[in-house]
Structure formats: C-alpha cells, structure tokens
Amino acid sequence: MHRILFQIGPITLYSYGLCIAIGFLISAVLILKDSEKFDIPKGDMLDVLIAVLVGGLIGGRLLFVLINWKIYLADPLRVLMVYEGGLAFQGAFLMAVFTGAVFAKRRQMSFFKGADLIAPYIAFGQAVGRIGCFLNGCCYGKISTGKLTVVFPHETVARIPVQLYTSFALFLLFIALSAGRKKQYFDGQIFALYLILYSLLRFFIDFLRGDNPLVLAGLKLSQVIGIGTFVCGAAMYAFLWMRHTRRIKSIKYSEQ
C-alpha cells in the first residue's frame, strides 16, 4: 500500500487522487478525440465532461459518507477530505448521468449519442481508479488463506486483492464496449450494455469485498443498487431495440 506518494512541504500527493485524476484526464482526451465521430462538437462535449466531473464527485462523496456515516458523524470535517479517498462509484455514476442528461438537454445534444461515446471510457477510468483503491488500501477484499492474497501495512491478515481483480475486469469491459461500437445498431446501445455488464460485474465481485456491511437479504448496498441498475439497463436496451425495429419496419414499408 502506498497511500502517500510523496510530500513536499504542505503539498501531499495521494495515490488515490492521482489515479482518479489520471483515469479522468486520459478518458476525457479520448472522448474529445472521438466526439466528432458522434457529431458532437468538442466544445459542447468538454462542457459536459466538466459538469459530469463536478456532479460525479458530489454524488460519489455523498454515497460514500452515507455508507460510512458513523465515521463522519464522529468527525464531520472529514467529509471534505476527498483526497484521502472515499468516493462510491455508484453514487458518482448516478449523479453524473443526471447532470449529463440535464446539460445535454440544455445544449440540445442527443443524450444517448453522448452516453454511447462516454460509456467505454467510464469503464477505463474506473479501471485506473481501482488501482488507486489498491494503493490506498480502501475497497479491500475479504480475509483469505489462498495463494493470491496481499497483506496491507498495519495488518497481520491476508486479503483478496479485489481491487486489482476489479481493475482487470473493467479493462476487459472497456475493450468489449469499444469493439461493440463497430456493430452498433441504435443510439444508446453501448450505454445500455455498459449498465448491464457493469452491474453484473459489480454484483458478483462484491461478494469478495470485506469492507461494506450487509443491508438487505445478505446483500450489500452496492449490490442492491446494482440490481436496480441492471434492470434499468435491460429495460433501456429492450425499449431502444424495439424502437429501432419499428423504425426499420416503417422505412421498409414506406419503400414498398
């Protein structure tokens, strides 16, 4: 675990914050590079990314504080110390989607086109961010006696390196979604697939995590949220697919 990379006087560089920043910056550059392929002006896309970043940070922090409310009730000022680590992705994602949808509507942009553009890079940014979780020691795995384990400083037990497993799976998801663009049939398809696949990934991999408490029927809050996200993604995919099919039938009928 390398929570602090270095300190120069009052300046402290945290590995968690650095990985989050690297993941976002690389994703943002690639999104802007691809924006013209989706007929979205770079200037508008940049504004959306800034809005999404702010919304995501707020949402991620709020959900993390809610999950760990006992810690922050004892020391409320720690709520502001985001650089120490402590962002719940699902909270960040939900708030980012809401912010992006509102911003896209104001700019008269296609929400689903923008979401398809961004979706693969969400997975990429998450993959880099999970490396930061590993270095920070947060989002840790269950205690294990297996061979593929790690022992964090100040601990005497071995744990499953679930952060690295998650990071690897997210890199694969990034590759799969990027490849899926080549066989895309309708706007919103890639985004819906992201919701479905990430929800499945998060649901099953959270059984290996040892940090979050159980809240309902032996499941963690993240898993309960994941079930809701999966249902939304599947419903979205089905709706968009049926709309696409009706549109194709309508075009063929008009050509007869």
Protein backbone atom coordinates (compact mmCIF):
# COMPACT_ATOMS: atom_id res chain seq x y z
CA MET A 1 0.00 0.00 0.00
CA HIS A 2 1.38 3.40 -0.99
CA ARG A 3 -1.26 5.84 0.20
CA ILE A 4 1.04 8.87 0.00
CA LEU A 5 3.40 9.03 -2.96
CA PHE A 6 5.41 11.99 -1.72
CA GLN A 7 5.28 15.15 0.38
CA ILE A 8 6.93 18.47 -0.35
CA GLY A 9 6.27 20.90 2.48
CA PRO A 10 2.50 21.37 2.77
CA ILE A 11 1.91 19.57 -0.57
CA THR A 12 0.94 15.91 -0.34
CA LEU A 13 0.31 13.73 -3.38
CA TYR A 14 -2.06 10.86 -2.65
CA SER A 15 -2.02 7.78 -4.88
CA TYR A 16 -5.83 7.53 -4.84
CA GLY A 17 -6.36 11.09 -6.04
CA LEU A 18 -3.62 10.73 -8.65
CA CYS A 19 -5.18 7.59 -10.15
CA ILE A 20 -8.63 9.17 -10.24
CA ALA A 21 -7.17 12.23 -11.98
CA ILE A 22 -5.18 10.13 -14.49
CA GLY A 23 -8.19 8.00 -15.31
CA PHE A 24 -10.41 11.02 -15.89
CA LEU A 25 -7.87 13.01 -17.89
CA ILE A 26 -6.99 10.14 -20.25
CA SER A 27 -10.67 9.32 -20.72
CA ALA A 28 -11.51 12.99 -21.34
CA VAL A 29 -8.80 13.32 -24.01
CA LEU A 30 -10.00 10.17 -25.80
CA ILE A 31 -13.65 11.25 -25.55
CA LEU A 32 -12.89 14.64 -27.08
CA LYS A 33 -10.87 12.93 -29.80
CA ASP A 34 -13.85 10.70 -30.69
CA SER A 35 -16.56 13.34 -30.27
CA GLU A 36 -16.61 14.36 -33.94
CA LYS A 37 -17.34 10.74 -34.95
CA PHE A 38 -20.57 11.09 -32.98
CA ASP A 39 -21.39 14.52 -34.48
CA ILE A 40 -20.87 16.23 -31.12
CA PRO A 41 -18.87 19.50 -31.08
CA LYS A 42 -15.76 19.27 -28.93
CA GLY A 43 -16.65 22.48 -27.09
CA ASP A 44 -20.04 21.12 -26.02
CA MET A 45 -18.53 17.78 -25.05
CA LEU A 46 -15.88 19.48 -22.91
CA ASP A 47 -18.58 21.43 -21.06
CA VAL A 48 -20.50 18.20 -20.46
CA LEU A 49 -17.37 16.49 -19.10
CA ILE A 50 -16.73 19.31 -16.64
CA ALA A 51 -20.35 19.20 -15.46
CA VAL A 52 -20.22 15.41 -15.17
CA LEU A 53 -16.97 15.59 -13.18
CA VAL A 54 -18.42 18.01 -10.65
CA GLY A 55 -21.67 16.06 -10.35
CA GLY A 56 -19.81 12.78 -10.07
CA LEU A 57 -17.55 13.99 -7.27
CA ILE A 58 -20.53 15.27 -5.28
CA GLY A 59 -22.61 12.13 -5.81
CA GLY A 60 -19.72 9.79 -5.10
CA ARG A 61 -18.82 11.52 -1.89
CA LEU A 62 -22.42 11.70 -0.65
CA LEU A 63 -23.00 7.95 -1.10
CA PHE A 64 -19.65 7.06 0.49
CA VAL A 65 -20.44 9.25 3.51
CA LEU A 66 -23.91 7.68 3.73
CA ILE A 67 -22.44 4.17 3.76
CA ASN A 68 -19.82 5.13 6.37
CA TRP A 69 -21.94 7.61 8.31
CA LYS A 70 -20.64 6.55 11.73
CA ILE A 71 -17.09 7.62 10.85
CA TYR A 72 -18.15 11.05 9.60
CA LEU A 73 -20.64 11.62 12.41
CA ALA A 74 -17.71 11.50 14.82
CA ASP A 75 -15.62 13.86 12.65
CA PRO A 76 -17.86 15.87 10.23
CA LEU A 77 -14.97 17.87 8.74
CA ARG A 78 -13.58 14.68 7.18
CA VAL A 79 -16.45 14.83 4.70
CA LEU A 80 -14.47 17.48 2.82
CA MET A 81 -11.23 15.48 2.73
CA VAL A 82 -11.87 13.75 -0.60
CA TYR A 83 -8.13 13.50 -1.31
CA GLU A 84 -7.86 10.87 1.44
CA GLY A 85 -10.04 8.55 -0.61
CA GLY A 86 -13.72 7.83 -0.28
CA LEU A 87 -15.83 8.01 -3.43
CA ALA A 88 -18.62 5.49 -4.02
CA PHE A 89 -18.71 4.91 -7.76
CA GLN A 90 -22.42 4.17 -7.99
CA GLY A 91 -23.28 7.46 -6.33
CA ALA A 92 -20.84 9.25 -8.63
CA PHE A 93 -22.29 7.49 -11.68
CA LEU A 94 -25.93 8.24 -10.89
CA MET A 95 -25.26 11.91 -10.20
CA ALA A 96 -23.03 12.16 -13.28
CA VAL A 97 -25.76 10.67 -15.50
CA PHE A 98 -28.33 13.08 -14.08
CA THR A 99 -26.00 16.06 -14.55
CA GLY A 100 -25.08 14.95 -18.07
CA ALA A 101 -28.74 14.47 -19.05
CA VAL A 102 -29.71 17.94 -17.81
CA PHE A 103 -26.72 19.54 -19.53
CA ALA A 104 -27.33 17.67 -22.79
CA LYS A 105 -30.95 18.83 -22.85
CA ARG A 106 -29.92 22.46 -22.34
CA ARG A 107 -27.37 22.18 -25.16
CA GLN A 108 -29.86 20.32 -27.37
CA MET A 109 -27.50 17.36 -27.61
CA SER A 110 -28.53 13.72 -28.04
CA PHE A 111 -28.18 12.16 -24.60
CA PHE A 112 -27.87 8.62 -25.94
CA LYS A 113 -25.22 9.56 -28.52
CA GLY A 114 -23.17 11.25 -25.83
CA ALA A 115 -23.68 8.33 -23.46
CA ASP A 116 -22.51 5.85 -26.12
CA LEU A 117 -19.42 7.97 -26.67
CA ILE A 118 -18.57 8.12 -22.98
CA ALA A 119 -19.57 4.60 -21.85
CA PRO A 120 -16.37 2.68 -22.77
CA TYR A 121 -14.24 5.38 -21.16
CA ILE A 122 -16.23 5.19 -17.94
CA ALA A 123 -15.00 1.61 -17.64
CA PHE A 124 -11.46 2.72 -18.49
CA GLY A 125 -11.49 5.47 -15.86
CA GLN A 126 -12.86 3.03 -13.28
CA ALA A 127 -10.11 0.53 -14.08
CA VAL A 128 -7.41 3.12 -13.38
CA GLY A 129 -9.25 4.35 -10.30
CA ARG A 130 -9.37 0.84 -8.79
CA ILE A 131 -5.58 0.73 -8.94
CA GLY A 132 -5.71 3.82 -6.76
CA CYS A 133 -8.02 1.97 -4.37
CA PHE A 134 -5.45 -0.80 -4.08
CA LEU A 135 -2.63 1.64 -3.38
CA ASN A 136 -4.81 3.49 -0.90
CA GLY A 137 -5.92 0.31 0.88
CA CYS A 138 -9.64 1.06 0.55
CA CYS A 139 -12.36 -1.11 -1.05
CA TYR A 140 -10.40 -4.07 0.28
CA GLY A 141 -11.22 -7.75 -0.08
CA LYS A 142 -12.18 -10.42 2.41
CA ILE A 143 -9.64 -12.22 4.56
CA SER A 144 -8.36 -15.29 2.71
CA THR A 145 -5.90 -18.16 3.09
CA GLY A 146 -5.48 -18.56 -0.67
CA LYS A 147 -2.28 -18.02 -2.63
CA LEU A 148 -3.33 -14.85 -4.48
CA THR A 149 -3.56 -12.58 -1.47
CA VAL A 150 -1.95 -9.43 -0.10
CA VAL A 151 -1.12 -8.22 3.38
CA PHE A 152 -1.58 -4.49 3.79
CA PRO A 153 0.67 -2.50 6.15
CA HIS A 154 -0.58 -2.39 9.75
CA GLU A 155 -2.45 -5.68 9.21
CA THR A 156 -1.49 -9.25 10.01
CA VAL A 157 -4.11 -10.98 7.85
CA ALA A 158 -4.03 -11.73 4.11
CA ARG A 159 -6.80 -10.35 1.93
CA ILE A 160 -8.13 -10.95 -1.57
CA PRO A 161 -6.77 -8.17 -3.86
CA VAL A 162 -10.30 -7.50 -5.11
CA GLN A 163 -9.34 -4.01 -6.30
CA LEU A 164 -6.92 -5.48 -8.85
CA TYR A 165 -9.43 -8.12 -9.96
CA THR A 166 -11.98 -5.38 -10.50
CA SER A 167 -9.49 -3.24 -12.40
CA PHE A 168 -8.63 -6.11 -14.75
CA ALA A 169 -12.31 -6.89 -15.37
CA LEU A 170 -13.03 -3.23 -16.10
CA PHE A 171 -10.20 -3.04 -18.65
CA LEU A 172 -11.80 -6.03 -20.39
CA LEU A 173 -15.17 -4.26 -20.28
CA PHE A 174 -13.58 -1.18 -21.85
CA ILE A 175 -12.19 -3.31 -24.70
CA ALA A 176 -15.53 -5.09 -25.21
CA LEU A 177 -17.57 -1.87 -25.32
CA SER A 178 -15.09 -0.20 -27.67
CA ALA A 179 -15.29 -3.19 -30.01
CA GLY A 180 -19.09 -3.15 -29.73
CA ARG A 181 -19.25 0.23 -31.42
CA LYS A 182 -18.37 -1.44 -34.72
CA LYS A 183 -21.63 -3.43 -34.58
CA GLN A 184 -23.84 -0.75 -33.07
CA TYR A 185 -27.40 -0.65 -34.41
CA PHE A 186 -29.01 2.18 -32.44
CA ASP A 187 -28.18 5.12 -30.20
CA GLY A 188 -27.98 4.13 -26.55
CA GLN A 189 -26.93 0.55 -27.27
CA ILE A 190 -23.39 0.84 -25.87
CA PHE A 191 -24.55 2.76 -22.81
CA ALA A 192 -27.26 0.19 -22.05
CA LEU A 193 -24.72 -2.62 -22.44
CA TYR A 194 -22.42 -0.84 -20.01
CA LEU A 195 -25.22 -0.66 -17.43
CA ILE A 196 -25.99 -4.36 -17.85
CA LEU A 197 -22.43 -5.67 -17.86
CA TYR A 198 -21.05 -3.43 -15.12
CA SER A 199 -24.00 -4.24 -12.86
CA LEU A 200 -23.31 -7.97 -13.26
CA LEU A 201 -19.60 -7.46 -12.66
CA ARG A 202 -20.18 -5.36 -9.55
CA PHE A 203 -22.84 -7.68 -8.12
CA PHE A 204 -20.68 -10.79 -8.21
CA ILE A 205 -17.30 -9.26 -7.39
CA ASP A 206 -18.72 -7.54 -4.29
CA PHE A 207 -19.08 -10.96 -2.68
CA LEU A 208 -15.27 -10.85 -2.44
CA ARG A 209 -15.16 -7.46 -0.73
CA GLY A 210 -14.74 -7.16 3.01
CA ASP A 211 -15.45 -3.50 3.65
CA ASN A 212 -19.16 -2.80 3.11
CA PRO A 213 -21.85 -4.03 5.54
CA LEU A 214 -24.85 -6.15 4.52
CA VAL A 215 -28.11 -4.22 4.25
CA LEU A 216 -30.76 -6.48 2.67
CA ALA A 217 -31.15 -10.25 2.27
CA GLY A 218 -27.43 -10.85 2.70
CA LEU A 219 -26.53 -8.23 0.08
CA LYS A 220 -24.53 -5.03 0.30
CA LEU A 221 -25.94 -1.63 -0.67
CA SER A 222 -23.80 -1.59 -3.81
CA GLN A 223 -25.29 -4.92 -4.87
CA VAL A 224 -28.84 -3.71 -4.26
CA ILE A 225 -28.11 -0.61 -6.35
CA GLY A 226 -26.52 -2.89 -8.95
CA ILE A 227 -29.72 -4.91 -9.27
CA GLY A 228 -31.66 -1.71 -9.92
CA THR A 229 -29.06 -0.57 -12.46
CA PHE A 230 -29.22 -3.93 -14.24
CA VAL A 231 -33.00 -3.72 -14.52
CA CYS A 232 -32.78 -0.16 -15.87
CA GLY A 233 -30.10 -1.15 -18.39
CA ALA A 234 -32.03 -4.21 -19.58
CA ALA A 235 -35.27 -2.22 -19.87
CA MET A 236 -33.46 0.54 -21.73
CA TYR A 237 -31.89 -1.92 -24.17
CA ALA A 238 -35.23 -3.65 -24.82
CA PHE A 239 -37.04 -0.34 -25.36
CA LEU A 240 -34.39 1.06 -27.71
CA TRP A 241 -34.18 -2.22 -29.63
CA MET A 242 -37.96 -2.33 -30.15
CA ARG A 243 -37.97 1.32 -31.22
CA HIS A 244 -35.17 0.61 -33.67
CA THR A 245 -37.02 -2.44 -35.05
CA ARG A 246 -40.23 -0.45 -35.54
CA ARG A 247 -38.28 2.27 -37.32
CA ILE A 248 -36.68 -0.23 -39.70
CA LYS A 249 -40.06 -1.81 -40.45
CA SER A 250 -41.55 1.62 -41.06
CA ILE A 251 -38.79 2.52 -43.54
CA LYS A 252 -39.18 -0.78 -45.41
CA TYR A 253 -42.95 -0.32 -45.57
CA SER A 254 -42.63 3.20 -46.95
CA GLU A 255 -40.22 2.00 -49.65
CA GLN A 256 -42.68 -0.60 -50.94
